[in-house]
Amino acid sequence: IKRGHKIQQMLVRLWDVEVYYTDTELDALLLECKWIKFYRPPYNTALMHTERYGYLIVESSPHYRIRWSKTRPEKALRVIGPLTQPRLSRQAQAFFESQYPFMCCKNKIEECMKNTFGKCEGYCAQDVRAQRLDFIDQALAKESPLPAKLMTQIEGYSEAWEFEKAGTYYEYLRGLNYIRGMYEMLERLESQSLIGRLPIQGTLFYKYYLILNGVIYHICVGMAYEEAEIVEHLRTLTQDKKVRYKVRVLKENIDEVKILYSFIERKMYRIEV
């Protein structure tokens, strides 16, 4: 068997294997994610560096500036994230800044010499700030025509042999599609309260996951004839209004949330709460 240098090094250091059994595939993936972050293995680093994750923030002042932040602010006009791909996120930021070139301008419009002498279109003016927010909201909307328009621009530049511009807009499109996908996932999860059911392989039992705001809040195990009782018990846990505010998607648990979302969409039997 041909193995790469990295695999060969790992096998040299391998002297023992422990096997852990979990009830479901979801449990196995969540446990793997947890252990990668805890043990920080040198040969499995994909989910390890949560300190690199962050948010795209639209500040409330002075000019609705958009910026990348590794921490979630207490106050902001828009918070997109947590985002696990800083490079793609910054491409999306660059796209928004290309549409409003002075999104990072900190000058006051009445003190700005560029605006006074007609060198700037006044992107920090109040009406333009509102347009900027509308543009970002439209870009994130589910049925936004913006990705298709960007693809048309890319094709136009390619046909005109302007490959550098085509490459730039392709990176814009990748970044935009990434944050749109993450935004849609988080919006759907935050608007859902559900109980997910998965079979425990090799048994007659099922595992029931109470999912609030995209996070597993409580788990029960039971047989099919006990489902009504289990569901009623889990529903009673959601009656405490404080529960929702305790359960949040953060950069520290976004990897687990993404794993859970894939099961909600593809493999779980869902019971609405």
Protein backbone atom coordinates (compact mmCIF):
# COMPACT_ATOMS: atom_id res chain seq x y z
CA ILE A 1 0.00 0.00 0.00
CA LYS A 2 1.40 3.38 -0.99
CA ARG A 3 1.15 5.88 1.83
CA GLY A 4 2.13 9.53 1.99
CA HIS A 5 4.99 10.79 4.18
CA LYS A 6 2.57 12.14 6.79
CA ILE A 7 0.79 8.78 7.15
CA GLN A 8 4.12 6.94 7.37
CA GLN A 9 5.22 9.22 10.21
CA MET A 10 1.95 8.67 12.04
CA LEU A 11 2.21 4.87 11.79
CA VAL A 12 5.72 4.94 13.25
CA ARG A 13 4.36 6.70 16.34
CA LEU A 14 1.31 4.43 16.64
CA TRP A 15 1.58 1.74 19.32
CA ASP A 16 -1.98 1.19 20.53
CA VAL A 17 -5.58 1.56 19.37
CA GLU A 18 -8.60 2.09 21.60
CA VAL A 19 -12.12 1.63 20.25
CA TYR A 20 -15.07 3.58 21.66
CA TYR A 21 -18.60 2.59 20.78
CA THR A 22 -21.30 5.23 20.47
CA ASP A 23 -25.05 4.91 20.09
CA THR A 24 -25.28 6.72 16.75
CA GLU A 25 -23.11 8.06 13.97
CA LEU A 26 -23.96 11.57 15.14
CA ASP A 27 -22.59 10.80 18.60
CA ALA A 28 -19.40 9.45 17.02
CA LEU A 29 -18.81 12.59 14.93
CA LEU A 30 -19.55 14.92 17.85
CA LEU A 31 -17.19 12.95 20.10
CA GLU A 32 -14.45 13.07 17.45
CA CYS A 33 -14.91 16.83 17.15
CA LYS A 34 -14.71 17.25 20.93
CA TRP A 35 -11.57 15.14 21.25
CA ILE A 36 -9.79 16.86 18.38
CA LYS A 37 -10.21 20.18 20.18
CA PHE A 38 -9.22 18.69 23.54
CA TYR A 39 -6.24 16.54 22.54
CA ARG A 40 -5.12 18.65 19.56
CA PRO A 41 -3.67 15.74 17.53
CA PRO A 42 -0.88 16.68 15.09
CA TYR A 43 -2.36 14.58 12.27
CA ASN A 44 -5.98 15.76 12.44
CA THR A 45 -6.13 19.55 12.57
CA ALA A 46 -9.22 20.44 10.54
CA LEU A 47 -11.44 21.26 13.55
CA MET A 48 -8.75 22.32 15.99
CA HIS A 49 -8.17 26.04 15.49
CA THR A 50 -11.37 27.66 16.70
CA GLU A 51 -9.35 30.75 17.65
CA ARG A 52 -9.18 31.55 13.93
CA TYR A 53 -12.97 31.64 13.59
CA GLY A 54 -14.81 34.93 13.70
CA TYR A 55 -17.62 37.16 12.51
CA LEU A 56 -18.34 39.75 9.86
CA ILE A 57 -19.61 42.78 11.74
CA VAL A 58 -21.50 45.82 10.45
CA GLU A 59 -20.83 48.48 13.08
CA SER A 60 -23.52 50.87 14.18
CA SER A 61 -21.10 53.79 14.00
CA PRO A 62 -19.62 55.89 12.61
CA HIS A 63 -20.40 54.84 9.02
CA TYR A 64 -21.76 51.30 9.19
CA ARG A 65 -18.25 49.99 8.65
CA ILE A 66 -17.95 46.28 7.87
CA ARG A 67 -15.05 44.43 9.45
CA TRP A 68 -13.78 40.98 10.41
CA SER A 69 -13.76 40.31 14.14
CA LYS A 70 -12.63 37.31 16.18
CA THR A 71 -15.04 38.26 18.96
CA ARG A 72 -18.78 38.86 18.85
CA PRO A 73 -19.61 42.45 19.87
CA GLU A 74 -22.44 43.20 22.25
CA LYS A 75 -23.87 45.82 19.87
CA ALA A 76 -23.82 45.81 16.08
CA LEU A 77 -26.22 46.43 13.21
CA ARG A 78 -25.48 43.07 11.64
CA VAL A 79 -23.51 40.06 12.86
CA ILE A 80 -22.80 37.33 10.30
CA GLY A 81 -21.37 34.20 11.84
CA PRO A 82 -19.67 32.52 13.52
CA LEU A 83 -17.66 31.82 10.37
CA THR A 84 -15.07 29.05 10.16
CA GLN A 85 -13.31 30.14 6.96
CA PRO A 86 -11.52 33.49 7.54
CA ARG A 87 -10.15 33.68 3.99
CA LEU A 88 -13.53 33.23 2.30
CA SER A 89 -15.13 35.58 4.81
CA ARG A 90 -12.61 38.29 3.99
CA GLN A 91 -13.34 37.81 0.28
CA ALA A 92 -16.98 38.53 1.03
CA GLN A 93 -15.90 41.58 3.02
CA ALA A 94 -13.77 42.72 0.09
CA PHE A 95 -16.78 42.35 -2.21
CA PHE A 96 -18.98 44.53 -0.02
CA GLU A 97 -16.20 47.10 0.21
CA SER A 98 -15.81 47.07 -3.58
CA GLN A 99 -19.45 48.11 -3.90
CA TYR A 100 -19.02 50.86 -1.29
CA PRO A 101 -15.36 51.88 -1.55
CA PHE A 102 -15.36 54.01 1.58
CA MET A 103 -16.92 51.49 3.94
CA CYS A 104 -13.80 51.79 6.09
CA CYS A 105 -13.72 55.59 6.05
CA LYS A 106 -13.72 57.06 9.58
CA ASN A 107 -14.08 60.73 8.59
CA LYS A 108 -17.16 62.75 9.39
CA ILE A 109 -18.80 63.88 6.17
CA GLU A 110 -18.91 67.55 7.24
CA GLU A 111 -15.14 67.44 7.94
CA CYS A 112 -14.15 65.42 4.86
CA MET A 113 -12.10 67.39 2.33
CA LYS A 114 -12.63 64.72 -0.35
CA ASN A 115 -16.37 65.22 -0.13
CA THR A 116 -16.04 69.01 -0.03
CA PHE A 117 -14.04 69.09 -3.27
CA GLY A 118 -16.14 66.44 -4.99
CA LYS A 119 -13.50 63.69 -4.81
CA CYS A 120 -15.78 61.37 -2.88
CA GLU A 121 -19.42 60.51 -3.48
CA GLY A 122 -20.21 60.66 0.23
CA TYR A 123 -20.52 56.99 1.02
CA CYS A 124 -20.78 57.87 4.71
CA ALA A 125 -23.96 59.95 4.20
CA GLN A 126 -27.03 58.70 6.03
CA ASP A 127 -28.98 57.68 2.91
CA VAL A 128 -26.00 55.77 1.54
CA ARG A 129 -25.53 54.00 4.86
CA ALA A 130 -29.12 52.77 4.61
CA GLN A 131 -28.47 51.58 1.05
CA ARG A 132 -25.40 49.74 2.27
CA LEU A 133 -27.41 47.81 4.85
CA ASP A 134 -30.09 47.02 2.25
CA PHE A 135 -27.43 45.76 -0.13
CA ILE A 136 -25.95 43.41 2.49
CA ASP A 137 -29.41 42.13 3.45
CA GLN A 138 -30.28 41.54 -0.20
CA ALA A 139 -26.99 39.70 -0.75
CA LEU A 140 -27.79 37.35 2.15
CA ALA A 141 -31.42 36.79 1.15
CA LYS A 142 -32.30 33.24 0.09
CA GLU A 143 -33.52 34.20 -3.40
CA SER A 144 -30.88 36.86 -4.01
CA PRO A 145 -30.03 37.36 -7.72
CA LEU A 146 -26.56 38.60 -6.79
CA PRO A 147 -24.64 35.29 -7.21
CA ALA A 148 -26.08 34.87 -10.72
CA LYS A 149 -25.12 38.45 -11.59
CA LEU A 150 -21.58 37.87 -10.36
CA MET A 151 -21.32 34.71 -12.46
CA THR A 152 -22.49 36.69 -15.51
CA GLN A 153 -19.76 39.26 -14.84
CA ILE A 154 -17.16 36.50 -14.50
CA GLU A 155 -18.21 34.99 -17.84
CA GLY A 156 -18.12 38.44 -19.47
CA TYR A 157 -14.60 39.16 -18.24
CA SER A 158 -13.44 35.70 -19.34
CA GLU A 159 -14.85 36.16 -22.84
CA ALA A 160 -13.08 39.52 -23.03
CA TRP A 161 -9.83 37.84 -21.90
CA GLU A 162 -9.75 39.95 -18.74
CA PHE A 163 -8.77 36.99 -16.61
CA GLU A 164 -7.49 38.97 -13.62
CA LYS A 165 -10.86 40.67 -13.19
CA ALA A 166 -12.61 37.34 -13.75
CA GLY A 167 -10.42 35.81 -11.01
CA THR A 168 -11.16 38.66 -8.62
CA TYR A 169 -14.91 38.34 -9.11
CA TYR A 170 -14.68 34.56 -8.82
CA GLU A 171 -13.11 35.02 -5.37
CA TYR A 172 -15.88 37.47 -4.51
CA LEU A 173 -18.45 34.86 -5.55
CA ARG A 174 -16.81 32.12 -3.48
CA GLY A 175 -16.75 34.33 -0.40
CA LEU A 176 -20.32 35.49 -0.91
CA ASN A 177 -21.62 31.95 -1.42
CA TYR A 178 -19.82 30.83 1.71
CA ILE A 179 -21.27 33.45 4.04
CA ARG A 180 -24.70 33.04 2.41
CA GLY A 181 -24.61 29.32 3.18
CA MET A 182 -23.53 29.88 6.79
CA TYR A 183 -26.08 32.66 7.26
CA GLU A 184 -28.90 30.48 5.91
CA MET A 185 -27.87 27.58 8.15
CA LEU A 186 -27.80 29.72 11.29
CA GLU A 187 -31.07 31.47 10.41
CA ARG A 188 -32.84 28.13 9.93
CA LEU A 189 -31.46 26.66 13.14
CA GLU A 190 -32.29 29.70 15.24
CA SER A 191 -35.88 29.67 14.01
CA GLN A 192 -36.37 25.96 14.75
CA SER A 193 -37.17 24.04 17.90
CA LEU A 194 -37.26 20.34 17.20
CA ILE A 195 -36.69 16.85 18.48
CA GLY A 196 -34.49 14.69 16.29
CA ARG A 197 -34.76 10.91 16.40
CA LEU A 198 -32.06 8.42 15.36
CA PRO A 199 -32.09 4.63 15.73
CA ILE A 200 -29.47 2.98 17.93
CA GLN A 201 -27.98 0.36 15.63
CA GLY A 202 -28.43 -3.27 16.64
CA THR A 203 -31.15 -2.48 19.20
CA LEU A 204 -34.84 -1.63 19.35
CA PHE A 205 -34.08 1.70 21.01
CA TYR A 206 -34.10 5.23 19.62
CA LYS A 207 -32.19 8.29 20.71
CA TYR A 208 -34.10 11.56 20.96
CA TYR A 209 -32.25 14.88 20.75
CA LEU A 210 -33.89 18.11 21.89
CA ILE A 211 -32.37 20.77 19.61
CA LEU A 212 -32.76 24.46 20.43
CA ASN A 213 -31.07 27.25 18.46
CA GLY A 214 -28.96 24.68 16.66
CA VAL A 215 -27.56 23.14 19.86
CA ILE A 216 -28.40 19.82 21.53
CA TYR A 217 -29.95 20.77 24.85
CA HIS A 218 -31.12 17.40 26.16
CA ILE A 219 -31.04 13.70 25.15
CA CYS A 220 -33.38 10.80 25.95
CA VAL A 221 -33.30 7.12 25.01
CA GLY A 222 -36.38 4.94 24.65
CA MET A 223 -38.32 2.47 22.57
CA ALA A 224 -40.86 3.33 19.89
CA TYR A 225 -43.89 2.77 22.15
CA GLU A 226 -42.44 5.31 24.62
CA GLU A 227 -42.09 8.07 22.02
CA ALA A 228 -45.17 10.08 23.01
CA GLU A 229 -44.06 10.20 26.64
CA ILE A 230 -40.48 11.13 25.72
CA VAL A 231 -41.59 13.86 23.34
CA GLU A 232 -43.92 15.34 25.95
CA HIS A 233 -41.10 15.35 28.52
CA LEU A 234 -38.72 17.11 26.12
CA ARG A 235 -41.37 19.66 25.21
CA THR A 236 -41.81 20.61 28.85
CA LEU A 237 -38.10 21.54 28.98
CA THR A 238 -38.64 24.25 26.37
CA GLN A 239 -41.28 26.06 28.44
CA ASP A 240 -38.62 27.82 30.47
CA LYS A 241 -38.03 31.04 28.53
CA LYS A 242 -34.50 31.34 29.92
CA VAL A 243 -33.47 28.13 28.17
CA ARG A 244 -33.29 29.72 24.72
CA TYR A 245 -30.95 32.43 25.92
CA LYS A 246 -28.63 29.89 27.50
CA VAL A 247 -28.31 27.86 24.31
CA ARG A 248 -26.38 29.80 21.67
CA VAL A 249 -24.23 29.11 18.64
CA LEU A 250 -20.72 30.39 19.33
CA LYS A 251 -17.41 30.06 17.53
CA GLU A 252 -16.41 27.45 20.13
CA ASN A 253 -19.25 25.09 19.13
CA ILE A 254 -19.89 26.02 15.48
CA ASP A 255 -18.18 22.83 14.22
CA GLU A 256 -20.56 20.69 16.25
CA VAL A 257 -23.48 22.77 14.98
CA LYS A 258 -22.46 22.14 11.36
CA ILE A 259 -22.31 18.39 12.01
CA LEU A 260 -25.71 18.48 13.67
CA TYR A 261 -27.21 20.53 10.83
CA SER A 262 -26.13 17.93 8.26
CA PHE A 263 -27.99 15.25 10.23
CA ILE A 264 -31.08 17.42 10.67
CA GLU A 265 -31.24 18.00 6.93
CA ARG A 266 -30.44 14.48 5.74
CA LYS A 267 -30.69 11.71 8.32
CA MET A 268 -32.83 12.66 11.32
CA TYR A 269 -36.51 12.02 11.74
CA ARG A 270 -37.76 15.39 12.98
CA ILE A 271 -40.53 16.10 15.45
CA GLU A 272 -41.57 19.75 15.75
CA VAL A 273 -41.72 21.21 19.25
